[in-house]
Structure formats: structure tokens, C-alpha cells
Protein backbone atom coordinates (compact mmCIF):
# COMPACT_ATOMS: atom_id res chain seq x y z
CA UNK A 1 -63.85 56.69 -25.17
CA UNK A 2 -63.06 56.55 -21.46
CA UNK A 3 -60.58 53.73 -20.86
CA UNK A 4 -59.62 52.48 -17.41
CA UNK A 5 -57.35 49.83 -15.93
CA UNK A 6 -57.70 48.38 -12.43
CA UNK A 7 -56.06 45.53 -10.57
CA UNK A 8 -59.20 44.56 -8.66
CA UNK A 9 -57.59 41.92 -6.41
CA UNK A 10 -60.55 39.50 -6.61
CA UNK A 11 -63.54 40.43 -8.73
CA UNK A 12 -65.99 38.33 -6.73
CA UNK A 13 -65.01 40.03 -3.47
CA UNK A 14 -65.43 43.53 -4.92
CA UNK A 15 -67.83 43.28 -7.85
CA UNK A 16 -70.42 45.74 -6.48
CA UNK A 17 -67.77 48.34 -5.78
CA UNK A 18 -66.16 47.88 -9.19
CA UNK A 19 -69.42 48.06 -11.14
CA UNK A 20 -70.48 51.12 -9.13
CA UNK A 21 -67.23 52.91 -10.01
CA UNK A 22 -67.47 51.89 -13.65
CA UNK A 23 -71.00 53.26 -14.01
CA UNK A 24 -70.46 56.35 -11.85
CA UNK A 25 -67.34 57.39 -13.79
CA UNK A 26 -68.88 56.58 -17.19
CA UNK A 27 -66.13 54.13 -18.05
CA UNK A 28 -66.52 52.78 -21.58
CA UNK A 29 -63.79 50.12 -21.38
CA UNK A 30 -62.47 48.66 -18.13
CA UNK A 31 -59.43 46.38 -18.18
CA UNK A 32 -59.16 44.31 -15.01
CA UNK A 33 -56.31 42.27 -13.57
CA UNK A 34 -56.04 39.74 -10.76
CA UNK A 35 -59.68 38.71 -11.03
CA UNK A 36 -58.74 35.54 -9.09
CA UNK A 37 -61.34 33.21 -10.56
CA UNK A 38 -61.97 30.86 -13.42
CA UNK A 39 -63.68 32.46 -16.41
CA UNK A 40 -66.92 30.63 -15.68
CA UNK A 41 -66.92 32.00 -12.11
CA UNK A 42 -66.77 35.64 -13.20
CA UNK A 43 -69.86 37.64 -12.09
CA UNK A 44 -70.91 38.51 -15.64
CA UNK A 45 -74.50 39.30 -14.70
CA UNK A 46 -73.54 42.28 -12.54
CA UNK A 47 -71.78 43.92 -15.47
CA UNK A 48 -74.42 42.92 -17.99
CA UNK A 49 -77.13 44.49 -15.84
CA UNK A 50 -75.12 47.72 -15.98
CA UNK A 51 -74.89 47.55 -19.78
CA UNK A 52 -71.46 46.01 -20.29
CA UNK A 53 -70.11 43.15 -22.35
CA UNK A 54 -67.36 41.14 -20.65
CA UNK A 55 -64.60 38.80 -21.76
CA UNK A 56 -62.72 37.05 -18.94
CA UNK A 57 -59.70 34.77 -18.84
CA UNK A 58 -58.83 32.86 -15.68
CA UNK A 59 -57.81 29.36 -14.67
CA UNK A 60 -57.91 29.37 -10.87
CA UNK A 61 -58.00 31.57 -7.77
CA UNK A 62 -54.75 33.23 -8.89
CA UNK A 63 -54.03 35.79 -11.60
CA UNK A 64 -56.76 36.27 -14.22
CA UNK A 65 -57.64 39.18 -16.50
CA UNK A 66 -60.81 40.60 -18.05
CA UNK A 67 -62.18 43.39 -20.22
CA UNK A 68 -65.61 45.00 -19.79
CA UNK A 69 -66.97 47.28 -22.49
CA UNK A 70 -70.11 49.17 -23.39
CA UNK A 71 -69.39 48.42 -27.05
CA UNK A 72 -69.02 44.95 -28.55
CA UNK A 73 -65.71 43.22 -27.83
CA UNK A 74 -64.05 41.74 -30.92
CA UNK A 75 -60.97 39.71 -31.89
CA UNK A 76 -60.29 38.34 -28.41
CA UNK A 77 -56.92 36.74 -27.69
CA UNK A 78 -55.81 35.22 -24.40
CA UNK A 79 -52.07 35.21 -25.09
CA UNK A 80 -49.64 37.11 -27.27
CA UNK A 81 -47.15 35.30 -29.52
CA UNK A 82 -44.16 33.95 -27.63
CA UNK A 83 -45.74 34.49 -24.20
CA UNK A 84 -43.93 32.11 -21.83
CA UNK A 85 -45.53 30.00 -19.15
CA UNK A 86 -44.55 29.17 -15.60
CA UNK A 87 -45.16 26.50 -13.01
CA UNK A 88 -43.26 25.64 -9.87
CA UNK A 89 -40.67 23.01 -10.66
CA UNK A 90 -41.48 23.22 -14.37
CA UNK A 91 -39.01 25.25 -16.37
CA UNK A 92 -38.56 25.44 -20.09
CA UNK A 93 -40.51 26.50 -23.19
CA UNK A 94 -43.35 24.05 -22.57
CA UNK A 95 -44.30 25.40 -19.12
CA UNK A 96 -48.07 26.02 -18.89
CA UNK A 97 -49.23 29.57 -19.52
CA UNK A 98 -50.89 31.59 -16.79
CA UNK A 99 -53.95 33.82 -17.26
CA UNK A 100 -52.06 37.09 -17.49
CA UNK A 101 -53.13 38.64 -20.79
CA UNK A 102 -56.29 39.26 -22.72
CA UNK A 103 -56.43 41.35 -25.87
CA UNK A 104 -59.48 42.67 -27.70
CA UNK A 105 -60.57 45.35 -30.13
CA UNK A 106 -63.19 47.83 -28.96
CA UNK A 107 -64.29 50.80 -31.05
CA UNK A 108 -61.20 50.50 -33.24
CA UNK A 109 -58.78 50.46 -30.29
CA UNK A 110 -56.68 47.38 -29.63
CA UNK A 111 -56.57 46.92 -25.84
CA UNK A 112 -54.47 44.44 -23.88
CA UNK A 113 -55.24 43.92 -20.20
CA UNK A 114 -51.96 42.71 -18.71
CA UNK A 115 -50.94 41.34 -15.35
CA UNK A 116 -47.15 41.20 -15.56
CA UNK A 117 -45.52 38.54 -13.36
CA UNK A 118 -44.39 39.82 -9.98
CA UNK A 119 -40.89 38.35 -10.04
CA UNK A 120 -40.99 37.53 -6.30
CA UNK A 121 -37.28 38.06 -5.58
CA UNK A 122 -34.06 38.77 -7.42
CA UNK A 123 -32.61 35.43 -8.44
CA UNK A 124 -35.94 33.61 -8.15
CA UNK A 125 -37.05 31.62 -11.25
CA UNK A 126 -40.13 33.84 -11.29
CA UNK A 127 -37.87 36.86 -11.84
CA UNK A 128 -36.40 35.28 -14.97
CA UNK A 129 -39.93 34.38 -16.07
CA UNK A 130 -40.95 38.02 -15.64
CA UNK A 131 -38.09 39.24 -17.82
CA UNK A 132 -38.81 36.64 -20.53
CA UNK A 133 -42.52 37.55 -20.42
CA UNK A 134 -41.74 41.24 -20.88
CA UNK A 135 -39.32 40.50 -23.72
CA UNK A 136 -41.97 38.53 -25.58
CA UNK A 137 -44.44 41.38 -25.03
CA UNK A 138 -41.95 43.89 -26.37
CA UNK A 139 -41.29 41.81 -29.48
CA UNK A 140 -45.00 41.38 -30.16
CA UNK A 141 -45.64 45.10 -29.66
CA UNK A 142 -42.79 46.06 -31.96
CA UNK A 143 -43.98 43.70 -34.69
CA UNK A 144 -47.58 44.87 -34.33
CA UNK A 145 -46.72 48.54 -34.70
CA UNK A 146 -44.24 47.97 -37.51
CA UNK A 147 -47.02 46.23 -39.42
CA UNK A 148 -49.63 48.88 -38.53
CA UNK A 149 -48.00 52.10 -37.29
CA UNK A 150 -51.33 53.96 -37.19
CA UNK A 151 -53.01 51.42 -34.90
CA UNK A 152 -54.49 52.86 -31.68
CA UNK A 153 -52.90 50.33 -29.32
CA UNK A 154 -53.20 50.36 -25.52
CA UNK A 155 -51.19 48.08 -23.26
CA UNK A 156 -52.72 48.58 -19.84
CA UNK A 157 -52.58 46.96 -16.45
CA UNK A 158 -50.39 46.05 -13.52
CA UNK A 159 -46.82 46.02 -14.81
CA UNK A 160 -45.22 45.30 -11.42
CA UNK A 161 -42.46 47.78 -12.26
CA UNK A 162 -41.76 51.25 -10.87
CA UNK A 163 -39.79 52.62 -13.82
CA UNK A 164 -38.28 55.60 -11.94
CA UNK A 165 -37.38 56.34 -8.34
CA UNK A 166 -40.24 58.86 -8.28
CA UNK A 167 -42.64 55.94 -8.85
CA UNK A 168 -41.56 54.21 -5.64
CA UNK A 169 -42.50 55.50 -2.21
CA UNK A 170 -42.45 52.16 -0.39
CA UNK A 171 -39.45 52.00 1.97
CA UNK A 172 -39.49 48.19 1.80
CA UNK A 173 -38.73 48.26 -1.93
CA UNK A 174 -35.04 49.03 -2.21
CA UNK A 175 -33.15 49.40 -5.50
CA UNK A 176 -30.49 46.73 -5.76
CA UNK A 177 -32.30 44.41 -3.35
CA UNK A 178 -35.94 44.29 -4.52
CA UNK A 179 -37.93 43.36 -7.56
CA UNK A 180 -40.01 46.08 -9.28
CA UNK A 181 -37.08 48.52 -9.19
CA UNK A 182 -34.16 46.46 -10.50
CA UNK A 183 -32.21 47.74 -13.51
CA UNK A 184 -33.26 44.78 -15.67
CA UNK A 185 -36.96 45.36 -14.98
CA UNK A 186 -36.63 49.07 -15.66
CA UNK A 187 -34.76 48.29 -18.87
CA UNK A 188 -37.62 45.99 -19.90
CA UNK A 189 -40.13 48.79 -19.30
CA UNK A 190 -37.99 51.18 -21.34
CA UNK A 191 -37.81 48.60 -24.13
CA UNK A 192 -41.61 48.59 -24.33
CA UNK A 193 -41.49 52.34 -24.81
CA UNK A 194 -38.81 52.00 -27.48
CA UNK A 195 -41.07 49.52 -29.28
CA UNK A 196 -43.44 52.41 -29.99
CA UNK A 197 -45.33 53.03 -26.76
CA UNK A 198 -45.51 55.89 -24.29
CA UNK A 199 -46.96 56.40 -20.85
CA UNK A 200 -50.01 58.49 -21.73
CA UNK A 201 -50.89 59.32 -18.11
CA UNK A 202 -47.59 60.72 -16.84
CA UNK A 203 -47.69 63.96 -18.87
CA UNK A 204 -51.08 64.85 -17.35
CA UNK A 205 -50.64 63.27 -13.90
CA UNK A 206 -46.93 63.64 -13.09
CA UNK A 207 -47.24 62.49 -9.46
CA UNK A 208 -49.22 59.93 -7.52
CA UNK A 209 -49.12 56.22 -6.78
CA UNK A 210 -51.47 53.45 -7.93
CA UNK A 211 -50.70 50.74 -5.33
CA UNK A 212 -50.25 50.66 -1.57
CA UNK A 213 -49.50 47.50 0.42
CA UNK A 214 -52.13 46.63 3.02
CA UNK A 215 -49.39 46.29 5.66
CA UNK A 216 -47.57 48.84 7.82
CA UNK A 217 -50.09 51.67 7.22
CA UNK A 218 -48.65 52.14 3.75
CA UNK A 219 -51.73 53.96 2.44
CA UNK A 220 -52.20 56.49 5.28
CA UNK A 221 -48.49 57.22 5.05
CA UNK A 222 -48.70 57.42 1.25
CA UNK A 223 -45.89 54.91 0.91
CA UNK A 224 -47.06 53.51 -2.36
CA UNK A 225 -45.84 52.67 -5.82
CA UNK A 226 -46.86 53.59 -9.33
CA UNK A 227 -46.94 50.23 -11.10
CA UNK A 228 -50.25 50.43 -13.03
CA UNK A 229 -49.95 52.04 -16.44
CA UNK A 230 -51.67 52.86 -19.68
CA UNK A 231 -49.07 52.63 -22.42
CA UNK A 232 -50.23 53.80 -25.83
CA UNK A 233 -49.04 53.85 -29.40
CA UNK A 234 -48.55 57.18 -31.12
CA UNK A 235 -52.07 57.05 -32.56
CA UNK A 236 -53.54 56.41 -29.13
CA UNK A 237 -51.36 58.99 -27.36
CA UNK A 238 -52.42 61.64 -29.86
CA UNK A 239 -56.06 61.00 -28.87
CA UNK A 240 -55.58 61.40 -25.10
CA UNK A 241 -57.61 64.35 -23.81
CA UNK A 242 -57.48 63.71 -20.05
CA UNK A 243 -56.17 61.34 -17.39
CA UNK A 244 -56.62 60.57 -13.71
CA UNK A 245 -55.49 58.25 -10.93
CA UNK A 246 -58.48 57.58 -8.68
CA UNK A 247 -56.75 57.51 -5.30
CA UNK A 248 -60.05 57.69 -3.39
CA UNK A 249 -60.83 54.12 -4.45
CA UNK A 250 -58.16 52.89 -2.03
CA UNK A 251 -60.40 54.11 0.83
CA UNK A 252 -63.58 52.69 2.30
CA UNK A 253 -64.63 49.13 3.02
CA UNK A 254 -62.70 46.30 1.41
CA UNK A 255 -60.71 48.20 -1.19
CA UNK A 256 -58.27 46.65 -3.60
CA UNK A 257 -54.65 47.50 -2.89
CA UNK A 258 -54.58 49.12 -6.36
CA UNK A 259 -56.67 52.02 -7.71
CA UNK A 260 -58.06 52.72 -11.19
CA UNK A 261 -56.09 54.63 -13.78
CA UNK A 262 -58.27 56.34 -16.40
CA UNK A 263 -57.79 58.19 -19.68
CA UNK A 264 -60.20 60.01 -21.96
CA UNK A 265 -59.66 59.39 -25.67
CA UNK A 266 -60.90 61.71 -28.40
CA UNK A 267 -60.64 59.21 -31.24
CA UNK A 268 -62.60 61.08 -33.90
CA UNK A 269 -61.56 64.62 -33.08
CA UNK A 270 -65.11 65.54 -32.14
CA UNK A 271 -66.22 67.51 -29.10
CA UNK A 272 -69.76 66.19 -28.71
CA UNK A 273 -69.04 64.26 -25.51
CA UNK A 274 -70.49 66.33 -22.67
CA UNK A 275 -68.73 64.40 -19.91
CA UNK A 276 -66.18 66.46 -17.98
CA UNK A 277 -62.59 65.71 -18.94
CA UNK A 278 -60.38 64.20 -16.24
CA UNK A 279 -57.02 65.70 -15.36
């Protein structure tokens, strides 16, 4: 299985480019974030014409997540237990949920496409929301893997966290003053790993960013951040045979500010897949 995650920054604005990449790179499962449309507005037909099933979750022109797959998509969930909500001026446990998570099982792999809240600024209510959201995700992940330690589980998407200084090359993002690099956010990322997950891309692709701001020539200067991840359970990590960050997708006409992150999974131990491995 070739699994990819991509913050597409508006699926309707970039659908042809996204479908072209998905077909060209023989992606079996594509997790998308920031689709920026209601579920009924998603361009399903473009993916279906290319041979993909799609499940989408979106409420408005903000946020939104989706999963496209060559195989049937089963057991779809659009929130994990305890996932908090958020709305301006509306705090508390009954705040409405945003479209930031969709989980599904494909070919025996449990995949969650996640768009972690940005946080906006240290001290902003959205920052607290981000930390609560990540805590709930950690608790759900821990409970899931305690109940089924052999489950191939993939938490993928835009985590809006650069867990180490090496993951941040944007001079505007300053530790101690900025979200994405604060100690509490990095602790939350580490807690996900302690719940039974590991970054399955880093061992094979130790350098490289996944996001570059559109402003201040960040991409030509390579002043980016690595905030898009594929985190896998032990069973999933053991199946990883290759990985890549597709930096070239940040080029050309109308690119997203994020690029795809891809892994190859050898789930049955076979070697009958004649596609070249990605490293």
C-alpha cells in the first residue's frame, strides 16, 4: 500500500493537480486536510473517474478533511472520542466540533486524516483548544493500541507542530514567542509518540520541510517547516518499506503551501509490487 498525506489548501482550487499526482505516483490511499468545502461540495467525480472511493468531512469554507482510496473505505468516523470543539466566543465542553478528523479502515489499516488546530498565538483561546484537542487524540490513541496492540494504525496529516528545531526553518517562527514550536506543543507531540506511535518518515527522510509560507519568498529560500507527518503504530512502522517528501509539488502554478508526504507499506511481507520504492 502506498499511503500519502497532503494539506491541499482547497480541494476545489487544486483538484486536477491533486488527482494527477495521486494517479501519477500510484497512491493507494490519500489523506487530505484543509479541503475548505462542505462534504457535498467535494469534487468526488474527479477522483471516481480516476478509480478512487472518497469519504469527505467538511462544514464550510474552512478546515475539512477527506480520504481517497483505491480500495473500499470502511468504518468511517468523523471524530474521535473526547475531541473538543471550538467557536469564537463559545468556550466549554459543548462548543461545536470542527471538521478536523476523519478515520477509516482501508485494507486492514486504520487511517486518521487529521488537521490539528493551528493555535494562532500563545495565550489565545485557540492555543488552549489545540492542546486539549491533542490530549484527547493522545488518550484515544493510547486506548486504541492498548486494546489492539497489533493494529496497523496511521495518524497522518497537518499537525501544526515542528517537534524539533531541525523541523523549523522559518525565521518568523521563534521558540518562546510562536505557536508550532512551544514546549507545550512539542510535549503534546511527544505524548502521541509515547502512546505507541512513531514518525515513520524521519528514519528514511531525515531532512526536508513539508510547508512553506507563501509570503517573503519562503519557498525559494527554503525557509519552511516540517509539520506534516505520518505517525504509525509498531505494526505499521514495521511494514514501512520507503518514504518521500514530494518537495516538487510546491512548484508550478497554484500550488498548496504544503507538499505530500508518502510511505510505502509492505503489509503482507510480499515482494510482488513492481512499483519502485520511494526513499
